[in-house]
Amino acid sequence: MDATADKREAILKTALALFTERGFYGTPTAMISKEAGVATGTLFFYFPTKEELIDTLYRQIKAAAAAAIREGVGGEPTVEAKIRRVGENTLSWAIAHPDEFRFMEQFAHSPFVSTTAHEEGMSHFFFLEELVQEGIRTGALRECDTWLLCSVLASSFSGLAARIMAAPDKKERVKLTRQGLAIIWNGIAMKPAADRTPKNTEQTDGTKGHVKRSQRSRK
């Protein structure tokens, strides 16, 4: 990477950290250039306005997130498995890229991101619309407005990611992932999945069928 690319990357990396920590108004360009170790004039050479800097970050993060979330989805055999893979990929990406995840949460509907950048960002997720349409067409998903289901999925995965990222350990994250993805699927599926948890018929004292035998003996 040459010096020019290094400076641009340093500006973007610094801006990402500051925007997620301080917000748009709390992050002046002078602070970004100082933290990035470049002159303010250098920052304006690459990004004439703060809005253009936000747009660039938004486009890059949306594209990278979509690529990671889509990975392996096409190879899954069913709509349920595909949506589960989307969910698992989303959670993995959010955990591995916490600053990027927080940036997307902050600026997903922000007026500081241009309409063009929003539209370009959404274009990377058309595969999700196609997946939902496949689910409705095949009877796997509820009959519903396609983009409503897409919005429900996106919001649900984001909320689950935030909860999992706050979990104290890996074991808890695994449990929350399993529970969360099951709840999300059952909320959109035409026929919610049956409870796959093995049934435990033992009594609390460790005996099995004791109550039934006692009842029969009294008859």
Protein backbone atom coordinates (compact mmCIF):
# COMPACT_ATOMS: atom_id res chain seq x y z
CA MET A 1 0.00 0.00 0.00
CA ASP A 2 1.49 3.36 -1.05
CA ALA A 3 1.60 6.51 1.09
CA THR A 4 -1.51 7.97 -0.55
CA ALA A 5 -3.56 4.85 0.13
CA ASP A 6 -2.15 4.70 3.66
CA LYS A 7 -3.36 8.21 4.44
CA ARG A 8 -6.82 7.61 3.00
CA GLU A 9 -7.15 4.36 4.94
CA ALA A 10 -5.97 6.03 8.14
CA ILE A 11 -8.62 8.73 7.72
CA LEU A 12 -11.38 6.17 7.17
CA LYS A 13 -10.30 3.99 10.08
CA THR A 14 -10.07 6.96 12.44
CA ALA A 15 -13.37 8.41 11.28
CA LEU A 16 -15.11 5.07 11.85
CA ALA A 17 -13.89 4.86 15.43
CA LEU A 18 -14.76 8.48 16.22
CA PHE A 19 -18.18 8.47 14.55
CA THR A 20 -19.25 5.35 16.46
CA GLU A 21 -17.98 6.82 19.72
CA ARG A 22 -19.00 10.49 19.38
CA GLY A 23 -21.63 10.66 16.63
CA PHE A 24 -21.76 12.96 13.62
CA TYR A 25 -21.90 16.35 15.34
CA GLY A 26 -19.42 15.34 18.02
CA THR A 27 -16.75 14.47 15.46
CA PRO A 28 -15.30 17.57 13.74
CA THR A 29 -13.01 17.05 10.78
CA ALA A 30 -10.13 18.68 12.67
CA MET A 31 -10.36 15.91 15.26
CA ILE A 32 -10.38 13.23 12.57
CA SER A 33 -7.30 14.63 10.85
CA LYS A 34 -5.43 15.05 14.15
CA GLU A 35 -6.20 11.48 15.31
CA ALA A 36 -5.33 10.10 11.86
CA GLY A 37 -2.00 11.94 11.84
CA VAL A 38 -2.68 13.93 8.66
CA ALA A 39 -3.12 17.60 7.88
CA THR A 40 -6.68 18.90 7.70
CA GLY A 41 -6.01 19.91 4.10
CA THR A 42 -5.08 16.29 3.32
CA LEU A 43 -8.41 15.08 4.73
CA PHE A 44 -10.31 17.56 2.56
CA PHE A 45 -8.30 16.46 -0.46
CA TYR A 46 -9.72 12.95 -0.13
CA PHE A 47 -13.10 13.89 1.36
CA PRO A 48 -14.23 17.47 0.61
CA THR A 49 -17.07 17.23 3.16
CA LYS A 50 -17.83 15.23 6.28
CA GLU A 51 -20.95 13.92 4.53
CA GLU A 52 -18.79 12.51 1.74
CA LEU A 53 -16.64 10.77 4.34
CA ILE A 54 -19.77 9.26 5.90
CA ASP A 55 -20.98 8.12 2.47
CA THR A 56 -17.67 6.42 1.72
CA LEU A 57 -17.70 4.54 5.02
CA TYR A 58 -21.34 3.57 4.52
CA ARG A 59 -20.73 2.19 1.03
CA GLN A 60 -17.64 0.23 2.06
CA ILE A 61 -19.18 -1.29 5.17
CA LYS A 62 -22.46 -2.20 3.47
CA ALA A 63 -20.61 -3.95 0.64
CA ALA A 64 -18.30 -5.86 2.99
CA ALA A 65 -21.14 -6.86 5.31
CA ALA A 66 -23.31 -8.10 2.45
CA ALA A 67 -20.48 -10.21 1.03
CA ALA A 68 -19.86 -11.82 4.43
CA ILE A 69 -23.55 -12.39 5.16
CA ARG A 70 -24.21 -13.97 1.76
CA GLU A 71 -21.33 -16.45 2.00
CA GLY A 72 -22.46 -20.07 1.64
CA VAL A 73 -26.17 -19.23 1.56
CA GLY A 74 -26.72 -20.51 -1.99
CA GLY A 75 -25.38 -23.95 -1.09
CA GLU A 76 -27.96 -24.59 1.63
CA PRO A 77 -30.73 -27.08 0.72
CA THR A 78 -33.82 -25.33 2.12
CA VAL A 79 -35.16 -21.84 2.72
CA GLU A 80 -34.99 -22.45 6.47
CA ALA A 81 -31.34 -23.48 6.22
CA LYS A 82 -30.57 -20.48 4.01
CA ILE A 83 -32.13 -18.01 6.42
CA ARG A 84 -30.35 -19.67 9.33
CA ARG A 85 -27.05 -19.28 7.44
CA VAL A 86 -27.83 -15.60 6.83
CA GLY A 87 -28.44 -15.19 10.54
CA GLU A 88 -25.30 -17.03 11.59
CA ASN A 89 -23.22 -15.05 9.10
CA THR A 90 -24.70 -11.79 10.34
CA LEU A 91 -23.86 -12.62 13.93
CA SER A 92 -20.32 -13.71 13.05
CA TRP A 93 -19.70 -10.53 11.07
CA ALA A 94 -21.06 -8.28 13.83
CA ILE A 95 -18.91 -9.94 16.50
CA ALA A 96 -15.79 -9.74 14.30
CA HIS A 97 -16.44 -6.10 13.28
CA PRO A 98 -18.00 -4.31 16.26
CA ASP A 99 -17.17 -0.77 15.10
CA GLU A 100 -18.63 -1.40 11.66
CA PHE A 101 -21.73 -2.96 13.20
CA ARG A 102 -22.27 0.02 15.49
CA PHE A 103 -21.72 2.43 12.59
CA MET A 104 -24.41 0.69 10.55
CA GLU A 105 -26.80 0.78 13.50
CA GLN A 106 -26.19 4.54 13.92
CA PHE A 107 -26.35 5.56 10.27
CA ALA A 108 -28.72 3.01 8.69
CA HIS A 109 -31.46 5.65 8.47
CA SER A 110 -29.40 8.77 8.97
CA PRO A 111 -30.08 11.93 6.96
CA PHE A 112 -26.30 12.44 6.85
CA VAL A 113 -26.01 9.52 4.43
CA SER A 114 -27.01 10.51 0.90
CA THR A 115 -29.91 8.88 -0.92
CA THR A 116 -27.47 7.56 -3.51
CA ALA A 117 -25.33 5.87 -0.87
CA HIS A 118 -28.43 4.40 0.80
CA GLU A 119 -29.63 2.97 -2.51
CA GLU A 120 -26.22 1.55 -3.35
CA GLY A 121 -26.00 -0.01 0.09
CA MET A 122 -29.42 -1.64 -0.28
CA SER A 123 -28.49 -3.04 -3.69
CA HIS A 124 -26.00 -5.38 -2.04
CA PHE A 125 -28.86 -7.04 -0.15
CA PHE A 126 -31.17 -7.84 -3.06
CA PHE A 127 -30.25 -11.50 -2.51
CA LEU A 128 -32.26 -11.36 0.72
CA GLU A 129 -35.32 -10.15 -1.18
CA GLU A 130 -34.89 -13.04 -3.62
CA LEU A 131 -34.58 -15.50 -0.72
CA VAL A 132 -37.79 -14.21 0.89
CA GLN A 133 -39.61 -14.42 -2.44
CA GLU A 134 -38.43 -18.02 -2.80
CA GLY A 135 -39.73 -18.77 0.68
CA ILE A 136 -43.16 -17.30 -0.04
CA ARG A 137 -43.37 -19.01 -3.43
CA THR A 138 -42.54 -22.43 -2.01
CA GLY A 139 -44.80 -22.06 1.01
CA ALA A 140 -41.98 -21.99 3.55
CA LEU A 141 -42.69 -18.41 4.62
CA ARG A 142 -45.88 -16.56 5.47
CA GLU A 143 -47.71 -14.71 2.69
CA CYS A 144 -46.59 -11.16 3.34
CA ASP A 145 -45.11 -8.07 1.73
CA THR A 146 -41.60 -9.06 0.68
CA TRP A 147 -39.82 -5.99 2.00
CA LEU A 148 -41.75 -6.16 5.25
CA LEU A 149 -40.32 -9.63 5.85
CA CYS A 150 -36.85 -8.42 4.82
CA SER A 151 -37.13 -5.56 7.30
CA VAL A 152 -38.29 -7.91 10.05
CA LEU A 153 -35.33 -10.20 9.38
CA ALA A 154 -32.79 -7.37 9.27
CA SER A 155 -34.10 -5.78 12.48
CA SER A 156 -34.29 -9.14 14.25
CA PHE A 157 -30.75 -10.15 13.30
CA SER A 158 -29.42 -6.74 14.39
CA GLY A 159 -31.19 -6.97 17.73
CA LEU A 160 -29.94 -10.51 18.28
CA ALA A 161 -26.39 -9.47 17.37
CA ALA A 162 -26.47 -6.64 19.91
CA ARG A 163 -27.70 -9.02 22.62
CA ILE A 164 -25.09 -11.66 21.81
CA MET A 165 -22.26 -9.12 21.75
CA ALA A 166 -23.22 -8.15 25.29
CA ALA A 167 -23.15 -11.78 26.48
CA PRO A 168 -20.38 -12.58 28.98
CA ASP A 169 -18.96 -15.77 27.48
CA LYS A 170 -18.94 -18.09 24.46
CA LYS A 171 -21.29 -20.65 26.00
CA GLU A 172 -23.92 -17.99 26.60
CA ARG A 173 -23.50 -16.70 23.05
CA VAL A 174 -24.05 -20.18 21.63
CA LYS A 175 -27.26 -20.57 23.64
CA LEU A 176 -28.56 -17.14 22.67
CA THR A 177 -27.77 -17.79 19.00
CA ARG A 178 -29.72 -21.06 19.02
CA GLN A 179 -32.69 -19.55 20.83
CA GLY A 180 -32.71 -16.32 18.84
CA LEU A 181 -32.55 -17.93 15.39
CA ALA A 182 -35.35 -20.34 16.35
CA ILE A 183 -37.57 -17.46 17.49
CA ILE A 184 -36.87 -15.49 14.30
CA TRP A 185 -37.63 -18.46 12.04
CA ASN A 186 -40.85 -19.34 13.87
CA GLY A 187 -41.98 -15.74 13.54
CA ILE A 188 -41.85 -15.73 9.75
CA ALA A 189 -42.39 -19.40 8.85
CA MET A 190 -45.67 -20.64 7.40
CA LYS A 191 -45.36 -23.65 9.70
CA PRO A 192 -43.20 -22.98 12.76
CA ALA A 193 -40.61 -25.67 13.42
CA ALA A 194 -41.48 -28.29 16.01
CA ASP A 195 -39.63 -28.15 19.32
CA ARG A 196 -36.42 -30.08 18.69
CA THR A 197 -35.48 -30.18 22.36
CA PRO A 198 -35.43 -33.80 23.61
CA LYS A 199 -38.29 -34.46 25.97
CA ASN A 200 -37.27 -35.35 29.50
CA THR A 201 -39.94 -37.49 31.11
CA GLU A 202 -38.06 -38.07 34.34
CA GLN A 203 -39.52 -36.76 37.58
CA THR A 204 -37.66 -34.17 39.61
CA ASP A 205 -36.57 -36.87 42.05
CA GLY A 206 -34.90 -38.82 39.24
CA THR A 207 -37.53 -41.57 38.91
CA LYS A 208 -39.22 -42.26 35.60
CA GLY A 209 -42.93 -42.93 35.27
CA HIS A 210 -43.30 -43.21 39.03
CA VAL A 211 -46.47 -41.13 39.19
CA LYS A 212 -48.21 -43.14 36.48
CA ARG A 213 -47.42 -46.45 38.19
CA SER A 214 -48.69 -45.12 41.50
CA GLN A 215 -51.91 -43.94 39.87
CA ARG A 216 -52.48 -47.33 38.22
CA SER A 217 -51.91 -49.14 41.54
CA ARG A 218 -54.73 -47.16 43.14
CA LYS A 219 -57.24 -48.08 40.45
